[in-house]
Each structure stands twice: as structure tokens, then as C-alpha cells.
Amino acid sequence: MDKPERITIADAAARFRKPEATVRVWASRHHARKLLKRGKTARYGWRDLATIARRLHPGDPVPATPEERDEIRAT
């Protein structure tokens, strides 16, 4: 497996074209994989945030853990 892409909430929000506050709520509510934290800035796994967004868009349930989301991506 290749190295996970680290992304800030601000950068993820820009990619999703959503407000930062929305993406921050997604990350918090669904326990997104946090890869690094320096000071007040956290970096999350891009694939994990993207999986959360893909599940939320059609209204599908979001698996509770990053590991369960990894399994969804693998299938």
C-alpha cells in the first residue's frame, strides 16, 4: 500500500467545494483518520475523508471506523 495523502480540513473543503465547517464536522463526527497534528493544524487521510463524503452524498451509512472504511475501499 502506498503512503496515505495528508490533507488539512481547508484543503479538503476546497477539493469538495464545501465549507470548512462542514468538512470539519464530517471529520469529527465520523472519526476520520488523523495522520498528523502540529499546533492547531491537523492533517487527515485524504482517502478516509473522501470515503466519508462519498457515503454521505447519497445518504448511505458511514462505517464507524477508518478500518471499516478501508474495507469498503478495498472491495
N, C-alpha and C. Protein backbone atom coordinates (compact mmCIF):
# COMPACT_ATOMS: atom_id res chain seq x y z
N MET A 1 0.85 -1.19 0.00
CA MET A 1 0.00 0.00 0.00
C MET A 1 0.89 1.24 0.00
N ASP A 2 0.52 2.23 -0.79
CA ASP A 2 1.31 3.45 -0.86
C ASP A 2 1.02 4.35 0.34
N LYS A 3 1.86 5.36 0.48
CA LYS A 3 1.76 6.29 1.61
C LYS A 3 0.47 7.11 1.51
N PRO A 4 -0.29 7.23 2.61
CA PRO A 4 -1.54 8.00 2.57
C PRO A 4 -1.28 9.48 2.37
N GLU A 5 -2.14 10.12 1.60
CA GLU A 5 -2.04 11.55 1.37
C GLU A 5 -2.58 12.30 2.58
N ARG A 6 -1.78 13.19 3.12
CA ARG A 6 -2.19 14.01 4.26
C ARG A 6 -2.82 15.29 3.74
N ILE A 7 -3.93 15.69 4.35
CA ILE A 7 -4.63 16.88 3.88
C ILE A 7 -5.26 17.61 5.06
N THR A 8 -5.23 18.93 4.98
CA THR A 8 -5.87 19.74 6.02
C THR A 8 -7.36 19.85 5.71
N ILE A 9 -8.11 20.27 6.70
CA ILE A 9 -9.54 20.48 6.51
C ILE A 9 -9.76 21.55 5.43
N ALA A 10 -8.97 22.60 5.45
CA ALA A 10 -9.13 23.68 4.46
C ALA A 10 -8.91 23.16 3.04
N ASP A 11 -7.87 22.36 2.85
CA ASP A 11 -7.60 21.81 1.51
C ASP A 11 -8.68 20.82 1.08
N ALA A 12 -9.14 20.00 2.02
CA ALA A 12 -10.21 19.04 1.70
C ALA A 12 -11.49 19.78 1.33
N ALA A 13 -11.80 20.84 2.09
CA ALA A 13 -13.01 21.62 1.79
C ALA A 13 -12.94 22.22 0.39
N ALA A 14 -11.78 22.69 0.00
CA ALA A 14 -11.62 23.25 -1.34
C ALA A 14 -11.84 22.17 -2.40
N ARG A 15 -11.31 20.98 -2.18
CA ARG A 15 -11.49 19.88 -3.15
C ARG A 15 -12.96 19.46 -3.24
N PHE A 16 -13.63 19.41 -2.09
CA PHE A 16 -15.04 19.01 -2.08
C PHE A 16 -15.97 20.14 -2.49
N ARG A 17 -15.44 21.36 -2.51
CA ARG A 17 -16.26 22.56 -2.76
C ARG A 17 -17.37 22.68 -1.71
N LYS A 18 -16.96 22.48 -0.47
CA LYS A 18 -17.85 22.57 0.69
C LYS A 18 -17.23 23.53 1.70
N PRO A 19 -18.04 24.09 2.59
CA PRO A 19 -17.47 24.95 3.64
C PRO A 19 -16.56 24.14 4.58
N GLU A 20 -15.52 24.81 5.07
CA GLU A 20 -14.60 24.15 6.00
C GLU A 20 -15.35 23.58 7.20
N ALA A 21 -16.31 24.33 7.70
CA ALA A 21 -17.06 23.87 8.88
C ALA A 21 -17.76 22.54 8.61
N THR A 22 -18.27 22.35 7.41
CA THR A 22 -18.95 21.10 7.06
C THR A 22 -17.97 19.94 7.08
N VAL A 23 -16.82 20.13 6.46
CA VAL A 23 -15.81 19.05 6.41
C VAL A 23 -15.27 18.78 7.81
N ARG A 24 -15.12 19.81 8.61
CA ARG A 24 -14.66 19.62 9.99
C ARG A 24 -15.66 18.77 10.78
N VAL A 25 -16.95 19.01 10.58
CA VAL A 25 -17.99 18.20 11.25
C VAL A 25 -17.91 16.76 10.77
N TRP A 26 -17.76 16.55 9.46
CA TRP A 26 -17.63 15.18 8.95
C TRP A 26 -16.47 14.47 9.62
N ALA A 27 -15.31 15.13 9.67
CA ALA A 27 -14.11 14.53 10.24
C ALA A 27 -14.32 14.19 11.71
N SER A 28 -14.94 15.08 12.44
CA SER A 28 -15.17 14.87 13.87
C SER A 28 -16.22 13.79 14.11
N ARG A 29 -17.36 13.93 13.48
CA ARG A 29 -18.48 13.01 13.71
C ARG A 29 -18.15 11.58 13.31
N HIS A 30 -17.38 11.42 12.25
CA HIS A 30 -17.10 10.08 11.72
C HIS A 30 -15.69 9.60 12.07
N HIS A 31 -15.04 10.30 12.98
CA HIS A 31 -13.71 9.90 13.48
C HIS A 31 -12.75 9.62 12.33
N ALA A 32 -12.60 10.62 11.47
CA ALA A 32 -11.70 10.48 10.32
C ALA A 32 -10.28 10.22 10.81
N ARG A 33 -9.55 9.49 10.00
CA ARG A 33 -8.18 9.13 10.35
C ARG A 33 -7.30 10.39 10.38
N LYS A 34 -6.81 10.70 11.57
CA LYS A 34 -5.92 11.86 11.76
C LYS A 34 -4.49 11.34 11.66
N LEU A 35 -3.73 11.86 10.70
CA LEU A 35 -2.38 11.37 10.46
C LEU A 35 -1.31 12.19 11.16
N LEU A 36 -1.59 13.46 11.39
CA LEU A 36 -0.55 14.34 11.94
C LEU A 36 -1.21 15.55 12.55
N LYS A 37 -0.64 16.03 13.65
CA LYS A 37 -1.13 17.27 14.23
C LYS A 37 0.06 18.09 14.68
N ARG A 38 0.14 19.30 14.16
CA ARG A 38 1.19 20.24 14.55
C ARG A 38 0.52 21.52 14.96
N GLY A 39 0.66 21.86 16.22
CA GLY A 39 -0.01 23.04 16.72
C GLY A 39 -1.51 22.82 16.63
N LYS A 40 -2.20 23.77 16.02
CA LYS A 40 -3.65 23.66 15.87
C LYS A 40 -4.06 22.99 14.56
N THR A 41 -3.10 22.72 13.69
CA THR A 41 -3.41 22.17 12.37
C THR A 41 -3.28 20.66 12.36
N ALA A 42 -4.37 20.01 12.02
CA ALA A 42 -4.38 18.55 11.89
C ALA A 42 -4.40 18.20 10.41
N ARG A 43 -3.77 17.10 10.10
CA ARG A 43 -3.81 16.57 8.73
C ARG A 43 -4.47 15.19 8.79
N TYR A 44 -5.42 15.03 7.91
CA TYR A 44 -6.23 13.82 7.85
C TYR A 44 -5.87 13.01 6.62
N GLY A 45 -6.27 11.76 6.62
CA GLY A 45 -6.09 10.92 5.45
C GLY A 45 -7.10 11.31 4.38
N TRP A 46 -6.61 11.68 3.21
CA TRP A 46 -7.50 12.11 2.12
C TRP A 46 -8.48 11.01 1.74
N ARG A 47 -8.00 9.77 1.60
CA ARG A 47 -8.89 8.68 1.19
C ARG A 47 -10.01 8.47 2.20
N ASP A 48 -9.70 8.61 3.49
CA ASP A 48 -10.72 8.43 4.50
C ASP A 48 -11.78 9.52 4.41
N LEU A 49 -11.35 10.78 4.28
CA LEU A 49 -12.32 11.87 4.13
C LEU A 49 -13.15 11.71 2.86
N ALA A 50 -12.50 11.29 1.78
CA ALA A 50 -13.23 11.11 0.52
C ALA A 50 -14.25 9.99 0.63
N THR A 51 -13.92 8.92 1.35
CA THR A 51 -14.87 7.83 1.55
C THR A 51 -16.07 8.30 2.37
N ILE A 52 -15.80 9.08 3.39
CA ILE A 52 -16.89 9.64 4.20
C ILE A 52 -17.81 10.48 3.31
N ALA A 53 -17.23 11.35 2.50
CA ALA A 53 -18.02 12.21 1.62
C ALA A 53 -18.84 11.39 0.63
N ARG A 54 -18.22 10.35 0.05
CA ARG A 54 -18.94 9.51 -0.92
C ARG A 54 -20.10 8.77 -0.27
N ARG A 55 -19.98 8.40 0.98
CA ARG A 55 -21.07 7.71 1.67
C ARG A 55 -22.18 8.69 2.06
N LEU A 56 -21.80 9.90 2.46
CA LEU A 56 -22.80 10.88 2.89
C LEU A 56 -23.63 11.43 1.74
N HIS A 57 -23.00 11.60 0.59
CA HIS A 57 -23.69 12.24 -0.55
C HIS A 57 -25.01 11.53 -0.92
N PRO A 58 -25.01 10.19 -1.08
CA PRO A 58 -26.29 9.55 -1.40
C PRO A 58 -27.11 9.18 -0.16
N GLY A 59 -26.57 9.46 1.03
CA GLY A 59 -27.30 9.15 2.25
C GLY A 59 -27.04 7.76 2.80
N ASP A 60 -25.95 7.14 2.34
CA ASP A 60 -25.59 5.81 2.86
C ASP A 60 -24.97 5.95 4.25
N PRO A 61 -25.08 4.92 5.08
CA PRO A 61 -24.44 4.99 6.39
C PRO A 61 -22.92 4.99 6.25
N VAL A 62 -22.27 5.74 7.13
CA VAL A 62 -20.82 5.81 7.14
C VAL A 62 -20.30 4.83 8.18
N PRO A 63 -19.43 3.89 7.79
CA PRO A 63 -18.87 2.97 8.77
C PRO A 63 -18.19 3.73 9.91
N ALA A 64 -18.25 3.15 11.09
CA ALA A 64 -17.82 3.84 12.30
C ALA A 64 -16.32 4.05 12.43
N THR A 65 -15.51 3.20 11.81
CA THR A 65 -14.06 3.32 12.00
C THR A 65 -13.34 3.47 10.66
N PRO A 66 -12.14 4.06 10.71
CA PRO A 66 -11.35 4.15 9.48
C PRO A 66 -11.04 2.77 8.89
N GLU A 67 -10.86 1.77 9.75
CA GLU A 67 -10.57 0.43 9.26
C GLU A 67 -11.74 -0.15 8.47
N GLU A 68 -12.94 0.09 8.93
CA GLU A 68 -14.13 -0.37 8.19
C GLU A 68 -14.25 0.36 6.86
N ARG A 69 -13.89 1.63 6.84
CA ARG A 69 -13.92 2.38 5.58
C ARG A 69 -12.83 1.87 4.63
N ASP A 70 -11.68 1.46 5.19
CA ASP A 70 -10.62 0.85 4.35
C ASP A 70 -11.16 -0.39 3.66
N GLU A 71 -11.94 -1.19 4.38
CA GLU A 71 -12.50 -2.41 3.79
C GLU A 71 -13.45 -2.08 2.63
N ILE A 72 -14.24 -1.02 2.77
CA ILE A 72 -15.14 -0.60 1.70
C ILE A 72 -14.35 -0.23 0.47
N ARG A 73 -13.26 0.53 0.66
CA ARG A 73 -12.44 0.93 -0.48
C ARG A 73 -11.79 -0.26 -1.15
N ALA A 74 -11.47 -1.29 -0.38
CA ALA A 74 -10.79 -2.47 -0.92
C ALA A 74 -11.72 -3.33 -1.78
N THR A 75 -13.04 -3.17 -1.59
CA THR A 75 -13.97 -4.01 -2.36
C THR A 75 -14.45 -3.31 -3.61
